[in-house]
Structure formats: structure tokens, C-alpha cells
Amino acid sequence: RDLILQLKMKREVLLVVACSLVFLPLLISEIVIFAPTYYLPCDQPLQVFIFVNIIVLGVSLLLLPCAPFAWDGGGERLVLIYGLLLTLFSIVWAAIGASWIAKTDDCMTIAPRLYQMSLAHVIITLIFNAVALCEFCVKGFHTLVHFNVND
């Protein structure tokens, strides 16, 4: 059991590092693009889309390092439920953003960097969340249903 927990902990630490390598540059680029374009008058609220993404990415990056310790302390279900809720929110929010991007008539010309960042975020989010949902389906469901801390 100790070996299994150590392997899970190492896997989670690697996952934290990998996610940080993706999320941190994405967060920085969104802040850099959002700051000079927040006042531009787009016909769709892409500024709101990017602003919420900045908040979600920031909170995720703050909580991400806690995941391996939660796994080690028996908080696997909490980590999985948080991950699933974050994934579902991200998918819904990406769908809303994709809808705004598809409906825009003038954001491409008025704020092209904001438009491109929004589009890139939707694509990255959908790819990342597809992987997260696959992992949850394969490993998370078993952990949520069958995990017993006394085994």
C-alpha cells in the first residue's frame, strides 16, 4: 500500500509540473493580452471571457501544488471531485466563449489579439479537458466508487 501511494504521489507531482508548464504561460499570455485590450469595444464580451479565464487559471495554479499532498493524505476523492467540477466548468465556459467567438462581427478587426487569444484558449481548454475527462473516466470512477482507505 505504501508503494502504491508513493507511485501515485510521484505521478501527481509530475502531473502538477506538466500542468504548470501549460497553465503558467497561458495565464501570463492572457494577462499580457488582456491588459491593453480590456477597453476595446468588441460586439461580444471576449474581455469577460478572458478575465474569467485569468481567475480560473490563477486559482487552479494556486491549488495545483496541493493535489499530491491530498492524494498522500487520503483526499483522493476530494481531488477527483474538484478536478471533475473544474473540468466541467471549463468545458461549459469554453462553449460559451466559442459561441461568443463565432458570433462576433468586429472583434477580429477591433481587437485581433484578444480575439486570437480567446480562440486559442478555447482550443487549448477543449484539448486539455478531453484528456482530463478520459483520465477521470478511466481512473477516477474506480477511485470514487471502489476506493477504501482501510485496504
Protein backbone atom coordinates (compact mmCIF):
# COMPACT_ATOMS: atom_id res chain seq x y z
CA ARG A 1 0.00 0.00 0.00
CA ASP A 2 2.84 2.43 0.79
CA LEU A 3 4.46 1.72 -2.58
CA ILE A 4 1.16 2.38 -4.38
CA LEU A 5 0.74 5.68 -2.52
CA GLN A 6 4.32 6.69 -3.37
CA LEU A 7 3.76 5.90 -7.05
CA LYS A 8 0.51 7.87 -7.06
CA MET A 9 2.28 10.77 -5.34
CA LYS A 10 5.10 10.76 -7.93
CA ARG A 11 2.53 10.62 -10.72
CA GLU A 12 0.62 13.53 -9.21
CA VAL A 13 3.79 15.60 -8.79
CA LEU A 14 4.64 15.00 -12.46
CA LEU A 15 1.09 15.97 -13.39
CA VAL A 16 1.40 19.18 -11.35
CA VAL A 17 4.65 20.07 -13.11
CA ALA A 18 3.17 19.31 -16.55
CA CYS A 19 0.02 21.32 -15.86
CA SER A 20 2.07 24.22 -14.51
CA LEU A 21 4.17 24.22 -17.68
CA VAL A 22 0.97 24.67 -19.70
CA PHE A 23 -1.14 26.82 -17.37
CA LEU A 24 1.51 29.35 -16.29
CA PRO A 25 2.45 30.53 -19.82
CA LEU A 26 -1.22 30.57 -20.75
CA LEU A 27 -2.03 32.70 -17.69
CA ILE A 28 0.84 35.10 -18.40
CA SER A 29 -0.12 35.46 -22.06
CA GLU A 30 -3.75 36.12 -21.16
CA ILE A 31 -2.76 38.82 -18.68
CA VAL A 32 -0.38 40.42 -21.20
CA ILE A 33 -3.05 40.42 -23.92
CA PHE A 34 -5.95 41.34 -21.64
CA ALA A 35 -4.32 44.40 -20.06
CA PRO A 36 -4.05 46.59 -23.20
CA THR A 37 -7.30 45.35 -24.80
CA TYR A 38 -9.84 45.37 -21.95
CA TYR A 39 -11.28 48.72 -23.04
CA LEU A 40 -11.71 47.91 -26.76
CA PRO A 41 -15.39 47.85 -27.83
CA CYS A 42 -15.99 44.34 -29.17
CA ASP A 43 -19.54 43.32 -30.04
CA GLN A 44 -19.13 40.16 -27.90
CA PRO A 45 -17.85 40.10 -24.29
CA LEU A 46 -14.49 38.46 -25.01
CA GLN A 47 -12.92 40.60 -22.28
CA VAL A 48 -15.20 38.89 -19.76
CA PHE A 49 -14.24 35.51 -21.21
CA ILE A 50 -10.52 36.21 -20.81
CA PHE A 51 -10.98 37.80 -17.37
CA VAL A 52 -12.79 34.72 -16.01
CA ASN A 53 -10.10 32.51 -17.60
CA ILE A 54 -7.43 34.51 -15.77
CA ILE A 55 -9.23 33.98 -12.45
CA VAL A 56 -9.80 30.24 -13.05
CA LEU A 57 -6.21 29.67 -14.18
CA GLY A 58 -4.86 31.66 -11.22
CA VAL A 59 -6.92 29.70 -8.69
CA SER A 60 -6.00 26.42 -10.40
CA LEU A 61 -2.31 27.26 -10.27
CA LEU A 62 -2.60 28.14 -6.58
CA LEU A 63 -4.41 24.89 -5.73
CA LEU A 64 -2.49 22.62 -8.11
CA PRO A 65 0.53 22.08 -5.81
CA CYS A 66 -1.83 20.85 -3.07
CA ALA A 67 -3.04 17.87 -5.14
CA PRO A 68 -0.15 15.47 -4.39
CA PHE A 69 -0.45 16.12 -0.66
CA ALA A 70 -4.19 15.49 -0.77
CA TRP A 71 -3.52 12.19 -2.54
CA ASP A 72 -0.94 11.28 0.10
CA GLY A 73 -3.31 12.20 2.93
CA GLY A 74 -6.20 10.12 1.65
CA GLY A 75 -8.01 13.01 -0.03
CA GLU A 76 -8.21 11.29 -3.41
CA ARG A 77 -11.95 11.72 -3.69
CA LEU A 78 -11.72 15.43 -2.92
CA VAL A 79 -9.03 15.92 -5.58
CA LEU A 80 -11.05 13.96 -8.13
CA ILE A 81 -14.30 15.79 -7.39
CA TYR A 82 -12.55 19.18 -7.55
CA GLY A 83 -10.88 18.16 -10.82
CA LEU A 84 -14.16 16.97 -12.30
CA LEU A 85 -16.02 20.15 -11.29
CA LEU A 86 -13.22 22.32 -12.69
CA THR A 87 -13.20 20.30 -15.91
CA LEU A 88 -16.97 20.56 -16.34
CA PHE A 89 -16.92 24.30 -15.63
CA SER A 90 -14.07 24.76 -18.11
CA ILE A 91 -15.92 22.86 -20.83
CA VAL A 92 -19.10 24.91 -20.32
CA TRP A 93 -17.13 28.16 -20.17
CA ALA A 94 -15.18 27.20 -23.33
CA ALA A 95 -18.50 26.50 -25.08
CA ILE A 96 -19.78 29.94 -24.07
CA GLY A 97 -16.52 31.50 -25.29
CA ALA A 98 -16.71 29.57 -28.57
CA SER A 99 -20.26 30.85 -29.03
CA TRP A 100 -19.13 34.45 -28.48
CA ILE A 101 -16.20 33.96 -30.84
CA ALA A 102 -18.46 32.53 -33.54
CA LYS A 103 -20.98 35.37 -33.21
CA THR A 104 -18.50 38.24 -33.29
CA ASP A 105 -18.57 40.58 -36.25
CA ASP A 106 -15.98 43.17 -35.31
CA CYS A 107 -13.65 41.75 -32.63
CA MET A 108 -11.37 40.33 -35.32
CA THR A 109 -10.67 43.84 -36.62
CA ILE A 110 -11.02 45.94 -33.45
CA ALA A 111 -9.13 43.65 -31.06
CA PRO A 112 -7.38 40.93 -33.08
CA ARG A 113 -5.05 39.87 -30.24
CA LEU A 114 -7.99 39.48 -27.86
CA TYR A 115 -9.90 37.50 -30.48
CA GLN A 116 -6.91 35.23 -31.22
CA MET A 117 -6.21 34.68 -27.51
CA SER A 118 -9.85 33.78 -26.91
CA LEU A 119 -9.81 31.33 -29.79
CA ALA A 120 -6.52 29.81 -28.63
CA HIS A 121 -7.86 29.45 -25.09
CA VAL A 122 -10.99 27.65 -26.30
CA ILE A 123 -8.90 25.20 -28.34
CA ILE A 124 -6.37 24.56 -25.54
CA THR A 125 -9.15 24.19 -22.97
CA LEU A 126 -11.10 21.68 -25.03
CA ILE A 127 -7.99 19.57 -25.73
CA PHE A 128 -6.85 19.66 -22.10
CA ASN A 129 -10.32 18.87 -20.77
CA ALA A 130 -10.82 15.99 -23.21
CA VAL A 131 -7.66 14.43 -21.78
CA ALA A 132 -8.80 15.18 -18.21
CA LEU A 133 -12.21 13.59 -18.82
CA CYS A 134 -10.60 10.49 -20.31
CA GLU A 135 -8.35 10.17 -17.27
CA PHE A 136 -11.29 10.68 -14.94
CA CYS A 137 -13.35 8.06 -16.77
CA VAL A 138 -10.54 5.51 -16.69
CA LYS A 139 -9.13 6.03 -13.19
CA GLY A 140 -11.36 8.42 -11.30
CA PHE A 141 -14.57 6.46 -11.44
CA HIS A 142 -12.85 3.40 -9.99
CA THR A 143 -11.34 5.52 -7.21
CA LEU A 144 -14.62 7.25 -6.38
CA VAL A 145 -16.63 4.04 -6.28
CA HIS A 146 -14.22 1.40 -5.03
CA PHE A 147 -11.51 3.12 -3.02
CA ASN A 148 -11.32 2.02 0.59
CA VAL A 149 -8.72 3.73 2.80
CA ASN A 150 -8.56 0.71 5.14
CA ASP A 151 -7.33 -1.72 2.43
